[in-house]
Amino acid sequence: MKAKLILIATAIVGCGGVQADNATLEFSPEVYSALVSVCAKTHQDDRLGLYRTLKVNRIEVKTAVDQVVCNGLPLAAFARAEQAHRVAKFLAPYERRDSGSVDIKDITAAN
């Protein structure tokens, strides 16, 4: 249940939140604490601390890279902006994982 709440919260954060005139986006204290910890560990360039924080809160690294937003930037871009070189290097493979493509050029029928 906790993992589902975190995924929903990170999805909302990644989408930019809910836009309303007087409405504010509120998280449960556990989710808020987890998101702040992820951003803080990234800012501190603490790769091991970030990994542990993600594991304790049951967030996969690829999910964090895709959905967590810190200061308006995706997690990997935030790490680069904060000069967190070790964390940026740790997150880079997860950021580029969908860069490959496959093209089928010729299909023949088997006789």
Protein backbone atom coordinates (compact mmCIF):
# COMPACT_ATOMS: atom_id res chain seq x y z
CA MET A 1 0.00 0.00 0.00
CA LYS A 2 2.81 2.40 0.92
CA ALA A 3 4.57 1.73 -2.40
CA LYS A 4 1.37 2.48 -4.33
CA LEU A 5 0.93 5.78 -2.48
CA ILE A 6 4.49 6.80 -3.26
CA LEU A 7 4.09 5.91 -6.93
CA ILE A 8 0.87 7.90 -7.13
CA ALA A 9 2.49 10.85 -5.37
CA THR A 10 5.54 10.81 -7.60
CA ALA A 11 3.31 10.58 -10.65
CA ILE A 12 1.40 13.64 -9.48
CA VAL A 13 4.65 15.48 -8.76
CA GLY A 14 5.98 14.48 -12.18
CA CYS A 15 2.86 15.82 -13.89
CA GLY A 16 3.25 19.20 -12.24
CA GLY A 17 0.54 18.72 -9.66
CA VAL A 18 -3.09 19.65 -9.69
CA GLN A 19 -3.89 23.13 -10.96
CA ALA A 20 -6.66 24.90 -9.12
CA ASP A 21 -7.18 28.44 -7.85
CA ASN A 22 -6.99 27.94 -4.10
CA ALA A 23 -6.15 24.25 -3.94
CA THR A 24 -2.84 22.96 -2.67
CA LEU A 25 -1.36 19.56 -3.28
CA GLU A 26 -0.90 17.70 -0.01
CA PHE A 27 0.89 14.41 0.56
CA SER A 28 0.78 12.14 3.53
CA PRO A 29 3.73 12.78 5.87
CA GLU A 30 5.39 9.50 4.83
CA VAL A 31 5.24 10.28 1.12
CA TYR A 32 6.38 13.85 1.63
CA SER A 33 9.30 12.68 3.77
CA ALA A 34 10.31 10.10 1.16
CA LEU A 35 10.27 12.64 -1.69
CA VAL A 36 12.23 15.18 0.33
CA SER A 37 14.77 12.50 1.27
CA VAL A 38 15.26 11.51 -2.36
CA CYS A 39 15.84 15.11 -3.39
CA ALA A 40 18.10 15.80 -0.39
CA LYS A 41 20.29 12.75 -1.01
CA THR A 42 20.57 13.75 -4.66
CA HIS A 43 21.55 17.30 -3.71
CA GLN A 44 24.18 15.96 -1.27
CA ASP A 45 25.68 13.77 -4.02
CA ASP A 46 25.18 10.75 -1.74
CA ARG A 47 24.75 7.85 -4.16
CA LEU A 48 24.58 5.16 -1.49
CA GLY A 49 22.21 7.23 0.65
CA LEU A 50 19.93 7.77 -2.35
CA TYR A 51 19.95 4.05 -3.13
CA ARG A 52 19.10 3.19 0.48
CA THR A 53 16.34 5.81 0.61
CA LEU A 54 14.78 4.42 -2.55
CA LYS A 55 14.95 0.85 -1.23
CA VAL A 56 13.51 1.75 2.19
CA ASN A 57 10.58 3.49 0.50
CA ARG A 58 10.20 0.72 -2.10
CA ILE A 59 10.80 2.96 -5.09
CA GLU A 60 12.65 1.49 -8.05
CA VAL A 61 15.49 3.58 -9.46
CA LYS A 62 13.88 3.67 -12.91
CA THR A 63 10.61 4.88 -11.37
CA ALA A 64 12.44 7.62 -9.48
CA VAL A 65 14.26 8.73 -12.63
CA ASP A 66 11.02 8.82 -14.62
CA GLN A 67 8.64 10.35 -12.06
CA VAL A 68 10.36 12.20 -9.20
CA VAL A 69 10.72 15.95 -9.73
CA CYS A 70 12.98 18.12 -7.55
CA ASN A 71 12.81 21.91 -7.89
CA GLY A 72 10.93 21.54 -11.17
CA LEU A 73 13.54 19.25 -12.75
CA PRO A 74 13.46 15.49 -13.31
CA LEU A 75 15.70 13.67 -10.83
CA ALA A 76 18.63 13.06 -13.21
CA ALA A 77 18.55 16.63 -14.53
CA PHE A 78 18.40 17.91 -10.93
CA ALA A 79 21.51 15.87 -10.09
CA ARG A 80 23.37 17.37 -13.04
CA ALA A 81 22.20 20.90 -12.17
CA GLU A 82 23.38 20.48 -8.57
CA GLN A 83 26.79 19.17 -9.72
CA ALA A 84 26.08 15.83 -8.03
CA HIS A 85 28.40 13.87 -10.31
CA ARG A 86 28.28 10.52 -8.49
CA VAL A 87 24.48 10.50 -8.35
CA ALA A 88 24.21 11.66 -11.98
CA LYS A 89 26.52 8.83 -13.04
CA PHE A 90 24.42 6.37 -10.99
CA LEU A 91 21.15 7.55 -12.58
CA ALA A 92 22.45 7.85 -16.17
CA PRO A 93 21.85 4.20 -17.24
CA TYR A 94 18.23 4.40 -16.07
CA GLU A 95 17.70 7.66 -17.91
CA ARG A 96 18.96 6.29 -21.24
CA ARG A 97 17.38 2.85 -21.05
CA ASP A 98 14.75 3.56 -23.74
CA SER A 99 17.10 5.14 -26.28
CA GLY A 100 17.42 2.00 -28.46
CA SER A 101 15.09 1.11 -31.29
CA VAL A 102 14.42 -1.86 -33.53
CA ASP A 103 13.38 -1.62 -37.16
CA ILE A 104 12.03 -4.59 -39.17
CA LYS A 105 12.87 -4.07 -42.81
CA ASP A 106 12.11 -7.37 -44.47
CA ILE A 107 9.76 -10.18 -43.53
CA THR A 108 9.45 -13.34 -45.56
CA ALA A 109 6.99 -16.17 -45.19
CA ALA A 110 8.34 -19.58 -44.23
CA ASN A 111 7.40 -22.26 -46.80
